[in-house]
């Protein structure tokens, strides 16, 4: 999913008020964690994921989540990753052009 700079800026502003809905910890990206991320993206479109690990491990998890879910990484600061995936039938967030 490709987003423009204006769209990313808009989504980053919306991310500030969100709390992490999924946490990836020492057991890594299990099937259950992936399923929770998919469910959260379907429900909310824009989510925060808490990645608890070393820097290289966090980046690998973030890249894997983006690749497997088809979501766009809006922002990653430290241990928090914001993901956005538009709902195909009923989008909730209106993106600027």
PDB file of N, CA and C in Angstrom:
ATOM      1  N   UNK A   1       0.851  -1.162   0.000  1.00  0.00           N
ATOM      2  CA  UNK A   1       0.000   0.000   0.000  1.00  0.00           C
ATOM      3  C   UNK A   1       0.902   1.232   0.000  1.00  0.00           C
ATOM      4  N   UNK A   2       0.668   2.116  -0.935  1.00  0.00           N
ATOM      5  CA  UNK A   2       1.471   3.329  -1.070  1.00  0.00           C
ATOM      6  C   UNK A   2       0.654   4.534  -0.620  1.00  0.00           C
ATOM      7  N   UNK A   3       1.214   5.303   0.299  1.00  0.00           N
ATOM      8  CA  UNK A   3       0.558   6.498   0.822  1.00  0.00           C
ATOM      9  C   UNK A   3       1.375   7.730   0.460  1.00  0.00           C
ATOM     10  N   UNK A   4       0.690   8.849   0.239  1.00  0.00           N
ATOM     11  CA  UNK A   4       1.384  10.106  -0.027  1.00  0.00           C
ATOM     12  C   UNK A   4       1.864  10.702   1.295  1.00  0.00           C
ATOM     13  N   UNK A   5       2.702  11.710   1.204  1.00  0.00           N
ATOM     14  CA  UNK A   5       3.199  12.364   2.417  1.00  0.00           C
ATOM     15  C   UNK A   5       2.067  13.013   3.207  1.00  0.00           C
ATOM     16  N   UNK A   6       1.115  13.597   2.495  1.00  0.00           N
ATOM     17  CA  UNK A   6      -0.021  14.233   3.162  1.00  0.00           C
ATOM     18  C   UNK A   6      -0.851  13.203   3.914  1.00  0.00           C
ATOM     19  N   UNK A   7      -1.063  12.050   3.304  1.00  0.00           N
ATOM     20  CA  UNK A   7      -1.832  10.991   3.953  1.00  0.00           C
ATOM     21  C   UNK A   7      -1.096  10.456   5.169  1.00  0.00           C
ATOM     22  N   UNK A   8       0.207  10.267   5.062  1.00  0.00           N
ATOM     23  CA  UNK A   8       0.994   9.780   6.197  1.00  0.00           C
ATOM     24  C   UNK A   8       0.943  10.786   7.342  1.00  0.00           C
ATOM     25  N   UNK A   9       1.064  12.068   7.023  1.00  0.00           N
ATOM     26  CA  UNK A   9       1.007  13.102   8.054  1.00  0.00           C
ATOM     27  C   UNK A   9      -0.353  13.084   8.764  1.00  0.00           C
ATOM     28  N   UNK A  10      -1.418  12.919   7.998  1.00  0.00           N
ATOM     29  CA  UNK A  10      -2.765  12.845   8.569  1.00  0.00           C
ATOM     30  C   UNK A  10      -2.897  11.631   9.496  1.00  0.00           C
ATOM     31  N   UNK A  11      -2.427  10.479   9.042  1.00  0.00           N
ATOM     32  CA  UNK A  11      -2.516   9.257   9.846  1.00  0.00           C
ATOM     33  C   UNK A  11      -1.632   9.333  11.097  1.00  0.00           C
ATOM     34  N   UNK A  12      -0.474   9.952  10.983  1.00  0.00           N
ATOM     35  CA  UNK A  12       0.384  10.113  12.163  1.00  0.00           C
ATOM     36  C   UNK A  12      -0.304  10.941  13.227  1.00  0.00           C
ATOM     37  N   UNK A  13      -1.040  11.952  12.799  1.00  0.00           N
ATOM     38  CA  UNK A  13      -1.797  12.766  13.749  1.00  0.00           C
ATOM     39  C   UNK A  13      -2.876  11.963  14.446  1.00  0.00           C
ATOM     40  N   UNK A  14      -3.514  11.064  13.709  1.00  0.00           N
ATOM     41  CA  UNK A  14      -4.550  10.220  14.302  1.00  0.00           C
ATOM     42  C   UNK A  14      -3.959   9.166  15.246  1.00  0.00           C
ATOM     43  N   UNK A  15      -2.718   8.761  15.000  1.00  0.00           N
ATOM     44  CA  UNK A  15      -2.065   7.733  15.822  1.00  0.00           C
ATOM     45  C   UNK A  15      -1.780   8.208  17.242  1.00  0.00           C
ATOM     46  N   UNK A  16      -1.600   9.496  17.424  1.00  0.00           N
ATOM     47  CA  UNK A  16      -1.215  10.003  18.744  1.00  0.00           C
ATOM     48  C   UNK A  16      -2.208   9.610  19.828  1.00  0.00           C
ATOM     49  N   UNK A  17      -3.480   9.596  19.515  1.00  0.00           N
ATOM     50  CA  UNK A  17      -4.504   9.326  20.525  1.00  0.00           C
ATOM     51  C   UNK A  17      -4.733   7.838  20.760  1.00  0.00           C
ATOM     52  N   UNK A  18      -4.118   6.989  19.974  1.00  0.00           N
ATOM     53  CA  UNK A  18      -4.356   5.551  20.082  1.00  0.00           C
ATOM     54  C   UNK A  18      -3.463   4.908  21.136  1.00  0.00           C
ATOM     55  N   UNK A  19      -3.976   3.823  21.702  1.00  0.00           N
ATOM     56  CA  UNK A  19      -3.191   2.963  22.580  1.00  0.00           C
ATOM     57  C   UNK A  19      -2.844   1.688  21.814  1.00  0.00           C
ATOM     58  N   UNK A  20      -1.720   1.050  22.129  1.00  0.00           N
ATOM     59  CA  UNK A  20      -1.383  -0.204  21.451  1.00  0.00           C
ATOM     60  C   UNK A  20      -2.460  -1.274  21.697  1.00  0.00           C
ATOM     61  N   UNK A  21      -2.857  -1.960  20.626  1.00  0.00           N
ATOM     62  CA  UNK A  21      -3.878  -2.995  20.748  1.00  0.00           C
ATOM     63  C   UNK A  21      -3.277  -4.398  20.707  1.00  0.00           C
ATOM     64  N   UNK A  22      -2.044  -4.513  20.217  1.00  0.00           N
ATOM     65  CA  UNK A  22      -1.360  -5.808  20.144  1.00  0.00           C
ATOM     66  C   UNK A  22       0.062  -5.600  20.635  1.00  0.00           C
ATOM     67  N   UNK A  23       0.586  -6.591  21.374  1.00  0.00           N
ATOM     68  CA  UNK A  23       1.970  -6.516  21.834  1.00  0.00           C
ATOM     69  C   UNK A  23       2.711  -7.770  21.388  1.00  0.00           C
ATOM     70  N   UNK A  24       3.862  -7.552  20.767  1.00  0.00           N
ATOM     71  CA  UNK A  24       4.741  -8.646  20.352  1.00  0.00           C
ATOM     72  C   UNK A  24       5.895  -8.665  21.346  1.00  0.00           C
ATOM     73  N   UNK A  25       6.069  -9.790  22.015  1.00  0.00           N
ATOM     74  CA  UNK A  25       7.108  -9.872  23.060  1.00  0.00           C
ATOM     75  C   UNK A  25       8.085 -10.992  22.749  1.00  0.00           C
ATOM     76  N   UNK A  26       8.583 -11.642  23.791  1.00  0.00           N
ATOM     77  CA  UNK A  26       9.660 -12.619  23.661  1.00  0.00           C
ATOM     78  C   UNK A  26       9.316 -13.828  22.802  1.00  0.00           C
ATOM     79  N   UNK A  27       8.046 -14.168  22.643  1.00  0.00           N
ATOM     80  CA  UNK A  27       7.677 -15.325  21.812  1.00  0.00           C
ATOM     81  C   UNK A  27       7.567 -14.972  20.338  1.00  0.00           C
ATOM     82  N   UNK A  28       7.680 -13.697  20.014  1.00  0.00           N
ATOM     83  CA  UNK A  28       7.738 -13.269  18.622  1.00  0.00           C
ATOM     84  C   UNK A  28       6.384 -13.239  17.936  1.00  0.00           C
ATOM     85  N   UNK A  29       6.426 -13.276  16.622  1.00  0.00           N
ATOM     86  CA  UNK A  29       5.211 -13.211  15.804  1.00  0.00           C
ATOM     87  C   UNK A  29       4.612 -14.604  15.639  1.00  0.00           C
ATOM     88  N   UNK A  30       3.852 -15.026  16.614  1.00  0.00           N
ATOM     89  CA  UNK A  30       3.182 -16.313  16.519  1.00  0.00           C
ATOM     90  C   UNK A  30       1.943 -16.169  15.638  1.00  0.00           C
ATOM     91  N   UNK A  31       1.317 -17.277  15.328  1.00  0.00           N
ATOM     92  CA  UNK A  31       0.098 -17.251  14.521  1.00  0.00           C
ATOM     93  C   UNK A  31      -1.016 -16.487  15.223  1.00  0.00           C
ATOM     94  N   UNK A  32      -1.071 -16.604  16.543  1.00  0.00           N
ATOM     95  CA  UNK A  32      -2.094 -15.879  17.303  1.00  0.00           C
ATOM     96  C   UNK A  32      -1.886 -14.367  17.233  1.00  0.00           C
ATOM     97  N   UNK A  33      -0.644 -13.930  17.315  1.00  0.00           N
ATOM     98  CA  UNK A  33      -0.347 -12.500  17.237  1.00  0.00           C
ATOM     99  C   UNK A  33      -0.708 -11.981  15.851  1.00  0.00           C
ATOM    100  N   UNK A  34      -0.354 -12.723  14.819  1.00  0.00           N
ATOM    101  CA  UNK A  34      -0.698 -12.320  13.445  1.00  0.00           C
ATOM    102  C   UNK A  34      -2.210 -12.231  13.270  1.00  0.00           C
ATOM    103  N   UNK A  35      -2.932 -13.187  13.837  1.00  0.00           N
ATOM    104  CA  UNK A  35      -4.391 -13.173  13.734  1.00  0.00           C
ATOM    105  C   UNK A  35      -4.979 -11.963  14.448  1.00  0.00           C
ATOM    106  N   UNK A  36      -4.415 -11.595  15.591  1.00  0.00           N
ATOM    107  CA  UNK A  36      -4.892 -10.418  16.330  1.00  0.00           C
ATOM    108  C   UNK A  36      -4.627  -9.127  15.546  1.00  0.00           C
ATOM    109  N   UNK A  37      -3.473  -9.054  14.902  1.00  0.00           N
ATOM    110  CA  UNK A  37      -3.161  -7.875  14.096  1.00  0.00           C
ATOM    111  C   UNK A  37      -4.141  -7.774  12.927  1.00  0.00           C
ATOM    112  N   UNK A  38      -4.415  -8.891  12.259  1.00  0.00           N
ATOM    113  CA  UNK A  38      -5.377  -8.904  11.149  1.00  0.00           C
ATOM    114  C   UNK A  38      -6.760  -8.473  11.625  1.00  0.00           C
ATOM    115  N   UNK A  39      -7.188  -9.002  12.754  1.00  0.00           N
ATOM    116  CA  UNK A  39      -8.497  -8.664  13.305  1.00  0.00           C
ATOM    117  C   UNK A  39      -8.572  -7.183  13.671  1.00  0.00           C
ATOM    118  N   UNK A  40      -7.522  -6.666  14.291  1.00  0.00           N
ATOM    119  CA  UNK A  40      -7.503  -5.257  14.680  1.00  0.00           C
ATOM    120  C   UNK A  40      -7.505  -4.342  13.452  1.00  0.00           C
ATOM    121  N   UNK A  41      -6.760  -4.716  12.416  1.00  0.00           N
ATOM    122  CA  UNK A  41      -6.759  -3.907  11.196  1.00  0.00           C
ATOM    123  C   UNK A  41      -8.125  -3.918  10.518  1.00  0.00           C
ATOM    124  N   UNK A  42      -8.785  -5.059  10.520  1.00  0.00           N
ATOM    125  CA  UNK A  42     -10.135  -5.141   9.952  1.00  0.00           C
ATOM    126  C   UNK A  42     -11.117  -4.290  10.736  1.00  0.00           C
ATOM    127  N   UNK A  43     -10.950  -4.233  12.034  1.00  0.00           N
ATOM    128  CA  UNK A  43     -11.878  -3.498  12.890  1.00  0.00           C
ATOM    129  C   UNK A  43     -11.601  -2.002  12.903  1.00  0.00           C
ATOM    130  N   UNK A  44     -10.324  -1.615  12.963  1.00  0.00           N
ATOM    131  CA  UNK A  44      -9.982  -0.218  13.221  1.00  0.00           C
ATOM    132  C   UNK A  44      -9.299   0.504  12.064  1.00  0.00           C
ATOM    133  N   UNK A  45      -8.710  -0.204  11.140  1.00  0.00           N
ATOM    134  CA  UNK A  45      -7.925   0.337  10.020  1.00  0.00           C
ATOM    135  C   UNK A  45      -6.579   0.909  10.460  1.00  0.00           C
ATOM    136  N   UNK A  46      -6.539   1.653  11.543  1.00  0.00           N
ATOM    137  CA  UNK A  46      -5.308   2.269  12.036  1.00  0.00           C
ATOM    138  C   UNK A  46      -5.058   1.760  13.449  1.00  0.00           C
ATOM    139  N   UNK A  47      -3.909   1.092  13.653  1.00  0.00           N
ATOM    140  CA  UNK A  47      -3.623   0.503  14.960  1.00  0.00           C
ATOM    141  C   UNK A  47      -2.182   0.791  15.363  1.00  0.00           C
ATOM    142  N   UNK A  48      -1.947   0.654  16.670  1.00  0.00           N
ATOM    143  CA  UNK A  48      -0.596   0.682  17.219  1.00  0.00           C
ATOM    144  C   UNK A  48      -0.247  -0.720  17.694  1.00  0.00           C
ATOM    145  N   UNK A  49       0.985  -1.121  17.414  1.00  0.00           N
ATOM    146  CA  UNK A  49       1.499  -2.416  17.854  1.00  0.00           C
ATOM    147  C   UNK A  49       2.741  -2.146  18.684  1.00  0.00           C
ATOM    148  N   UNK A  50       2.801  -2.734  19.865  1.00  0.00           N
ATOM    149  CA  UNK A  50       3.964  -2.591  20.754  1.00  0.00           C
ATOM    150  C   UNK A  50       4.917  -3.750  20.466  1.00  0.00           C
ATOM    151  N   UNK A  51       6.149  -3.430  20.116  1.00  0.00           N
ATOM    152  CA  UNK A  51       7.168  -4.433  19.798  1.00  0.00           C
ATOM    153  C   UNK A  51       8.213  -4.421  20.903  1.00  0.00           C
ATOM    154  N   UNK A  52       8.241  -5.480  21.715  1.00  0.00           N
ATOM    155  CA  UNK A  52       9.154  -5.551  22.854  1.00  0.00           C
ATOM    156  C   UNK A  52      10.330  -6.452  22.508  1.00  0.00           C
ATOM    157  N   UNK A  53      11.438  -5.863  22.124  1.00  0.00           N
ATOM    158  CA  UNK A  53      12.620  -6.634  21.792  1.00  0.00           C
ATOM    159  C   UNK A  53      13.774  -5.700  21.466  1.00  0.00           C
ATOM    160  N   UNK A  54      14.864  -6.273  21.014  1.00  0.00           N
ATOM    161  CA  UNK A  54      16.025  -5.481  20.605  1.00  0.00           C
ATOM    162  C   UNK A  54      15.728  -4.769  19.290  1.00  0.00           C
ATOM    163  N   UNK A  55      16.498  -3.756  18.980  1.00  0.00           N
ATOM    164  CA  UNK A  55      16.261  -2.912  17.810  1.00  0.00           C
ATOM    165  C   UNK A  55      16.172  -3.720  16.512  1.00  0.00           C
ATOM    166  N   UNK A  56      17.124  -4.595  16.271  1.00  0.00           N
ATOM    167  CA  UNK A  56      17.114  -5.388  15.033  1.00  0.00           C
ATOM    168  C   UNK A  56      15.899  -6.301  14.975  1.00  0.00           C
ATOM    169  N   UNK A  57      15.545  -6.886  16.104  1.00  0.00           N
ATOM    170  CA  UNK A  57      14.392  -7.776  16.165  1.00  0.00           C
ATOM    171  C   UNK A  57      13.101  -7.003  15.914  1.00  0.00           C
ATOM    172  N   UNK A  58      12.985  -5.808  16.493  1.00  0.00           N
ATOM    173  CA  UNK A  58      11.790  -4.974  16.287  1.00  0.00           C
ATOM    174  C   UNK A  58      11.626  -4.621  14.816  1.00  0.00           C
ATOM    175  N   UNK A  59      12.733  -4.276  14.163  1.00  0.00           N
ATOM    176  CA  UNK A  59      12.661  -3.911  12.749  1.00  0.00           C
ATOM    177  C   UNK A  59      12.256  -5.114  11.897  1.00  0.00           C
ATOM    178  N   UNK A  60      12.772  -6.292  12.236  1.00  0.00           N
ATOM    179  CA  UNK A  60      12.404  -7.502  11.500  1.00  0.00           C
ATOM    180  C   UNK A  60      10.916  -7.809  11.678  1.00  0.00           C
ATOM    181  N   UNK A  61      10.419  -7.656  12.907  1.00  0.00           N
ATOM    182  CA  UNK A  61       8.992  -7.881  13.157  1.00  0.00           C
ATOM    183  C   UNK A  61       8.139  -6.874  12.386  1.00  0.00           C
ATOM    184  N   UNK A  62       8.558  -5.612  12.390  1.00  0.00           N
ATOM    185  CA  UNK A  62       7.804  -4.573  11.681  1.00  0.00           C
ATOM    186  C   UNK A  62       7.761  -4.867  10.182  1.00  0.00           C
ATOM    187  N   UNK A  63       8.896  -5.223   9.601  1.00  0.00           N
ATOM    188  CA  UNK A  63       8.940  -5.553   8.177  1.00  0.00           C
ATOM    189  C   UNK A  63       8.067  -6.754   7.860  1.00  0.00           C
ATOM    190  N   UNK A  64       8.094  -7.745   8.734  1.00  0.00           N
ATOM    191  CA  UNK A  64       7.288  -8.948   8.539  1.00  0.00           C
ATOM    192  C   UNK A  64       5.794  -8.628   8.614  1.00  0.00           C
ATOM    193  N   UNK A  65       5.394  -7.820   9.583  1.00  0.00           N
ATOM    194  CA  UNK A  65       3.980  -7.446   9.710  1.00  0.00           C
ATOM    195  C   UNK A  65       3.494  -6.671   8.486  1.00  0.00           C
ATOM    196  N   UNK A  66       4.299  -5.751   8.007  1.00  0.00           N
ATOM    197  CA  UNK A  66       3.920  -4.979   6.818  1.00  0.00           C
ATOM    198  C   UNK A  66       3.776  -5.901   5.611  1.00  0.00           C
ATOM    199  N   UNK A  67       4.705  -6.836   5.450  1.00  0.00           N
ATOM    200  CA  UNK A  67       4.678  -7.733   4.297  1.00  0.00           C
ATOM    201  C   UNK A  67       3.504  -8.707   4.352  1.00  0.00           C
ATOM    202  N   UNK A  68       3.212  -9.247   5.520  1.00  0.00           N
ATOM    203  CA  UNK A  68       2.181 -10.283   5.600  1.00  0.00           C
ATOM    204  C   UNK A  68       0.765  -9.730   5.682  1.00  0.00           C
ATOM    205  N   UNK A  69       0.592  -8.529   6.217  1.00  0.00           N
ATOM    206  CA  UNK A  69      -0.766  -7.988   6.359  1.00  0.00           C
ATOM    207  C   UNK A  69      -1.178  -7.111   5.188  1.00  0.00           C
ATOM    208  N   UNK A  70      -0.226  -6.616   4.420  1.00  0.00           N
ATOM    209  CA  UNK A  70      -0.550  -5.702   3.346  1.00  0.00           C
ATOM    210  C   UNK A  70      -0.839  -4.304   3.851  1.00  0.00           C
ATOM    211  N   UNK A  71      -0.470  -4.033   5.077  1.00  0.00           N
ATOM    212  CA  UNK A  71      -0.689  -2.714   5.676  1.00  0.00           C
ATOM    213  C   UNK A  71       0.503  -1.809   5.388  1.00  0.00           C
ATOM    214  N   UNK A  72       0.293  -0.532   5.584  1.00  0.00           N
ATOM    215  CA  UNK A  72       1.368   0.444   5.431  1.00  0.00           C
ATOM    216  C   UNK A  72       1.869   0.847   6.807  1.00  0.00           C
ATOM    217  N   UNK A  73       3.184   0.910   6.955  1.00  0.00           N
ATOM    218  CA  UNK A  73       3.766   1.393   8.206  1.00  0.00           C
ATOM    219  C   UNK A  73       3.706   2.916   8.186  1.00  0.00           C
ATOM    220  N   UNK A  74       2.888   3.470   9.053  1.00  0.00           N
ATOM    221  CA  UNK A  74       2.709   4.915   9.102  1.00  0.00           C
ATOM    222  C   UNK A  74       3.855   5.549   9.877  1.00  0.00           C
ATOM    223  N   UNK A  75       4.233   4.925  10.983  1.00  0.00           N
ATOM    224  CA  UNK A  75       5.262   5.497  11.849  1.00  0.00           C
ATOM    225  C   UNK A  75       5.797   4.413  12.763  1.00  0.00           C
ATOM    226  N   UNK A  76       7.096   4.486  13.047  1.00  0.00           N
ATOM    227  CA  UNK A  76       7.690   3.606  14.047  1.00  0.00           C
ATOM    228  C   UNK A  76       8.623   4.436  14.905  1.00  0.00           C
ATOM    229  N   UNK A  77       8.264   4.548  16.170  1.00  0.00           N
ATOM    230  CA  UNK A  77       9.093   5.277  17.125  1.00  0.00           C
ATOM    231  C   UNK A  77       9.396   4.329  18.272  1.00  0.00           C
ATOM    232  N   UNK A  78      10.661   3.971  18.420  1.00  0.00           N
ATOM    233  CA  UNK A  78      11.055   3.063  19.499  1.00  0.00           C
ATOM    234  C   UNK A  78      10.348   1.733  19.385  1.00  0.00           C
ATOM    235  N   UNK A  79       9.561   1.409  20.396  1.00  0.00           N
ATOM    236  CA  UNK A  79       8.890   0.120  20.447  1.00  0.00           C
ATOM    237  C   UNK A  79       7.458   0.156  19.916  1.00  0.00           C
ATOM    238  N   UNK A  80       7.036   1.272  19.348  1.00  0.00           N
ATOM    239  CA  UNK A  80       5.655   1.406  18.896  1.00  0.00           C
ATOM    240  C   UNK A  80       5.610   1.560  17.380  1.00  0.00           C
ATOM    241  N   UNK A  81       4.795   0.732  16.745  1.00  0.00           N
ATOM    242  CA  UNK A  81       4.612   0.736  15.298  1.00  0.00           C
ATOM    243  C   UNK A  81       3.151   1.049  14.999  1.00  0.00           C
ATOM    244  N   UNK A  82       2.911   2.005  14.115  1.00  0.00           N
ATOM    245  CA  UNK A  82       1.549   2.326  13.673  1.00  0.00           C
ATOM    246  C   UNK A  82       1.345   1.742  12.287  1.00  0.00           C
ATOM    247  N   UNK A  83       0.283   0.975  12.133  1.00  0.00           N
ATOM    248  CA  UNK A  83      -0.056   0.347  10.857  1.00  0.00           C
ATOM    249  C   UNK A  83      -1.405   0.837  10.372  1.00  0.00           C
ATOM    250  N   UNK A  84      -1.538   0.991   9.045  1.00  0.00           N
ATOM    251  CA  UNK A  84      -2.806   1.383   8.447  1.00  0.00           C
ATOM    252  C   UNK A  84      -3.111   0.463   7.272  1.00  0.00           C
ATOM    253  N   UNK A  85      -4.335  -0.035   7.253  1.00  0.00           N
ATOM    254  CA  UNK A  85      -4.836  -0.791   6.100  1.00  0.00           C
ATOM    255  C   UNK A  85      -6.294  -0.418   5.905  1.00  0.00           C
ATOM    256  N   UNK A  86      -6.604   0.116   4.756  1.00  0.00           N
ATOM    257  CA  UNK A  86      -7.967   0.544   4.449  1.00  0.00           C
ATOM    258  C   UNK A  86      -8.889  -0.659   4.373  1.00  0.00           C
ATOM    259  N   UNK A  87     -10.069  -0.528   4.966  1.00  0.00           N
ATOM    260  CA  UNK A  87     -11.084  -1.581   4.909  1.00  0.00           C
ATOM    261  C   UNK A  87     -11.655  -1.592   3.494  1.00  0.00           C
ATOM    262  N   UNK A  88     -11.718  -2.758   2.850  1.00  0.00           N
ATOM    263  CA  UNK A  88     -12.132  -2.801   1.441  1.00  0.00           C
ATOM    264  C   UNK A  88     -13.597  -2.430   1.208  1.00  0.00           C
ATOM    265  N   UNK A  89     -14.479  -2.704   2.148  1.00  0.00           N
ATOM    266  CA  UNK A  89     -15.902  -2.468   1.934  1.00  0.00           C
ATOM    267  C   UNK A  89     -16.433  -1.233   2.652  1.00  0.00           C
ATOM    268  N   UNK A  90     -15.956  -0.995   3.869  1.00  0.00           N
ATOM    269  CA  UNK A  90     -16.498   0.075   4.683  1.00  0.00           C
ATOM    270  C   UNK A  90     -15.367   0.877   5.339  1.00  0.00           C
ATOM    271  N   UNK A  91     -14.681   1.745   4.556  1.00  0.00           N
ATOM    272  CA  UNK A  91     -13.581   2.505   5.162  1.00  0.00           C
ATOM    273  C   UNK A  91     -14.076   3.494   6.197  1.00  0.00           C
ATOM    274  N   UNK A  92     -13.367   3.572   7.320  1.00  0.00           N
ATOM    275  CA  UNK A  92     -13.741   4.465   8.415  1.00  0.00           C
ATOM    276  C   UNK A  92     -12.970   5.774   8.367  1.00  0.00           C
ATOM    277  N   UNK A  93     -11.743   5.728   7.881  1.00  0.00           N
ATOM    278  CA  UNK A  93     -10.889   6.895   7.881  1.00  0.00           C
ATOM    279  C   UNK A  93     -10.847   7.466   6.468  1.00  0.00           C
ATOM    280  N   UNK A  94     -11.175   8.737   6.350  1.00  0.00           N
ATOM    281  CA  UNK A  94     -11.109   9.434   5.061  1.00  0.00           C
ATOM    282  C   UNK A  94      -9.718  10.057   4.926  1.00  0.00           C
ATOM    283  N   UNK A  95      -8.989   9.617   3.932  1.00  0.00           N
ATOM    284  CA  UNK A  95      -7.637  10.129   3.709  1.00  0.00           C
ATOM    285  C   UNK A  95      -7.671  11.353   2.802  1.00  0.00           C
ATOM    286  N   UNK A  96      -6.835  12.352   3.085  1.00  0.00           N
ATOM    287  CA  UNK A  96      -6.732  13.484   2.160  1.00  0.00           C
ATOM    288  C   UNK A  96      -6.050  13.042   0.864  1.00  0.00           C
ATOM    289  N   UNK A  97      -6.254  13.783  -0.162  1.00  0.00           N
ATOM    290  CA  UNK A  97      -5.648  13.432  -1.451  1.00  0.00           C
ATOM    291  C   UNK A  97      -4.273  13.937  -1.566  1.00  0.00           C
TER     292      UNK A  97
END
